[in-house]
Amino acid sequence: VQVSESGGGLVQAGDSLRLSCVASGTVSPNFSRYSVAWFRRAPGMERKLVAGINWSDQSTYYADSVKDRFTISRDNAKNTVYLQMNSLKPEDTAVYYCAVDRGRRSVASSVPWDSWGQGTQVTVSS
């Protein structure tokens, strides 16, 4: 499975962005069986889990720093997951990565993810 992110950019504090993550290639049996997560890596920092959606029950996870501002959603017909980011802050500046994993039980698990995208840069100016 190949993963591609898009939607990043340079915005001002308080603005919104919507990131997209598209899975392609051998998506088997269908995208609904994949758990998907968004991570981010800020300059000089480790990559951290931001949000995720579990395939089995569509439950979602959000890091405390983005709760009530970010929303993850999916369109299985398009093999796509979105991350709607509102009220952006300068501390949200990072490269955002999408990861997918077929049948993964929990997006919060430390088990390695199957596939990663190359990332999309989000820069929030103050």
Protein backbone atom coordinates (compact mmCIF):
# COMPACT_ATOMS: atom_id res chain seq x y z
CA VAL A 1 0.00 0.00 0.00
CA GLN A 2 1.27 3.44 -0.92
CA VAL A 3 0.29 6.43 1.17
CA SER A 4 0.24 10.02 0.01
CA GLU A 5 -0.51 13.13 2.05
CA SER A 6 -1.55 16.53 0.79
CA GLY A 7 -3.08 19.75 2.01
CA GLY A 8 -0.26 21.27 4.00
CA GLY A 9 0.78 24.88 3.69
CA LEU A 10 1.60 28.16 5.36
CA VAL A 11 -1.23 29.71 7.35
CA GLN A 12 -1.69 32.22 10.13
CA ALA A 13 -2.64 31.41 13.70
CA GLY A 14 -6.37 30.81 13.97
CA ASP A 15 -6.70 29.57 10.40
CA SER A 16 -7.80 26.12 9.28
CA LEU A 17 -6.36 23.46 7.02
CA ARG A 18 -7.57 20.08 5.85
CA LEU A 19 -5.02 17.38 5.23
CA SER A 20 -5.79 14.40 3.05
CA CYS A 21 -4.27 10.93 3.13
CA VAL A 22 -4.87 8.66 0.18
CA ALA A 23 -4.02 4.95 0.13
CA SER A 24 -3.32 3.31 -3.22
CA GLY A 25 -1.92 0.10 -4.60
CA THR A 26 -2.94 -3.23 -3.13
CA VAL A 27 -5.60 -2.10 -0.65
CA SER A 28 -7.07 -5.45 0.34
CA PRO A 29 -9.85 -6.38 0.85
CA ASN A 30 -10.92 -2.75 1.10
CA PHE A 31 -9.90 0.43 2.85
CA SER A 32 -12.46 0.01 5.61
CA ARG A 33 -10.25 -2.72 7.09
CA TYR A 34 -7.40 -0.29 7.69
CA SER A 35 -6.75 1.75 10.78
CA VAL A 36 -5.27 5.14 9.95
CA ALA A 37 -3.40 7.71 11.97
CA TRP A 38 -1.83 11.10 11.62
CA PHE A 39 1.51 11.81 13.23
CA ARG A 40 3.59 14.94 13.25
CA ARG A 41 7.21 15.82 13.74
CA ALA A 42 8.11 19.30 14.81
CA PRO A 43 11.65 20.60 14.27
CA GLY A 44 14.03 18.93 16.70
CA MET A 45 11.28 16.76 18.15
CA GLU A 46 10.26 13.14 17.91
CA ARG A 47 7.37 12.07 15.74
CA LYS A 48 4.16 11.98 17.78
CA LEU A 49 0.69 10.57 17.30
CA VAL A 50 -1.83 13.33 16.68
CA ALA A 51 -5.05 11.56 15.74
CA GLY A 52 -6.23 8.19 14.58
CA ILE A 53 -9.26 6.16 13.62
CA ASN A 54 -9.63 2.47 14.33
CA TRP A 55 -11.07 0.29 11.57
CA SER A 56 -13.07 -2.06 13.80
CA ASP A 57 -15.41 0.40 15.48
CA GLN A 58 -14.42 3.74 13.94
CA SER A 59 -13.38 4.98 17.37
CA THR A 60 -11.05 7.92 17.27
CA TYR A 61 -8.04 9.05 19.22
CA TYR A 62 -6.73 12.58 19.67
CA ALA A 63 -3.67 13.86 21.43
CA ASP A 64 -4.56 16.25 24.23
CA SER A 65 -2.88 19.11 22.39
CA VAL A 66 -5.31 18.90 19.47
CA LYS A 67 -8.57 17.81 21.10
CA ASP A 68 -11.51 20.02 20.20
CA ARG A 69 -9.51 21.56 17.33
CA PHE A 70 -8.70 18.65 15.02
CA THR A 71 -11.12 16.13 13.55
CA ILE A 72 -10.21 12.91 11.76
CA SER A 73 -12.65 11.36 9.29
CA ARG A 74 -12.58 8.87 6.46
CA ASP A 75 -14.18 8.21 3.09
CA ASN A 76 -13.64 4.52 2.41
CA ALA A 77 -15.00 4.78 -1.11
CA LYS A 78 -12.10 7.13 -1.90
CA ASN A 79 -9.48 5.32 0.21
CA THR A 80 -9.00 8.63 1.95
CA VAL A 81 -8.69 9.92 5.48
CA TYR A 82 -8.90 13.59 6.35
CA LEU A 83 -7.56 15.66 9.20
CA GLN A 84 -9.50 18.87 9.64
CA MET A 85 -7.38 21.27 11.64
CA ASN A 86 -9.06 24.37 13.07
CA SER A 87 -7.79 27.16 15.28
CA LEU A 88 -4.24 26.40 14.29
CA LYS A 89 -1.45 27.53 16.57
CA PRO A 90 2.23 28.13 15.89
CA GLU A 91 3.01 25.03 17.96
CA ASP A 92 1.12 22.96 15.38
CA THR A 93 3.94 23.65 12.95
CA ALA A 94 5.37 20.31 11.86
CA VAL A 95 5.61 17.78 9.10
CA TYR A 96 2.44 15.72 9.21
CA TYR A 97 2.60 12.04 8.29
CA CYS A 98 -0.15 9.56 7.58
CA ALA A 99 0.17 5.89 8.49
CA VAL A 100 -2.08 2.98 7.60
CA ASP A 101 -2.24 -0.54 8.95
CA ARG A 102 -4.63 -3.31 7.93
CA GLY A 103 -6.48 -4.81 10.84
CA ARG A 104 -4.64 -2.86 13.47
CA ARG A 105 -6.37 -3.16 16.83
CA SER A 106 -5.51 0.26 18.19
CA VAL A 107 -3.97 3.36 16.71
CA ALA A 108 -2.34 3.99 20.10
CA SER A 109 -0.47 0.69 20.03
CA SER A 110 3.31 0.79 19.76
CA VAL A 111 3.30 -1.89 17.08
CA PRO A 112 4.97 -0.58 13.90
CA TRP A 113 2.66 0.68 11.18
CA ASP A 114 2.52 -1.04 7.81
CA SER A 115 2.85 1.98 5.55
CA TRP A 116 3.81 5.61 5.84
CA GLY A 117 3.51 8.60 3.59
CA GLN A 118 6.28 11.08 2.87
CA GLY A 119 4.68 13.84 4.90
CA THR A 120 3.25 17.28 4.26
CA GLN A 121 4.54 20.47 5.84
CA VAL A 122 2.24 22.60 7.95
CA THR A 123 3.57 25.97 9.05
CA VAL A 124 1.54 28.26 11.29
CA SER A 125 2.76 31.83 11.70
CA SER A 126 1.91 33.96 14.71
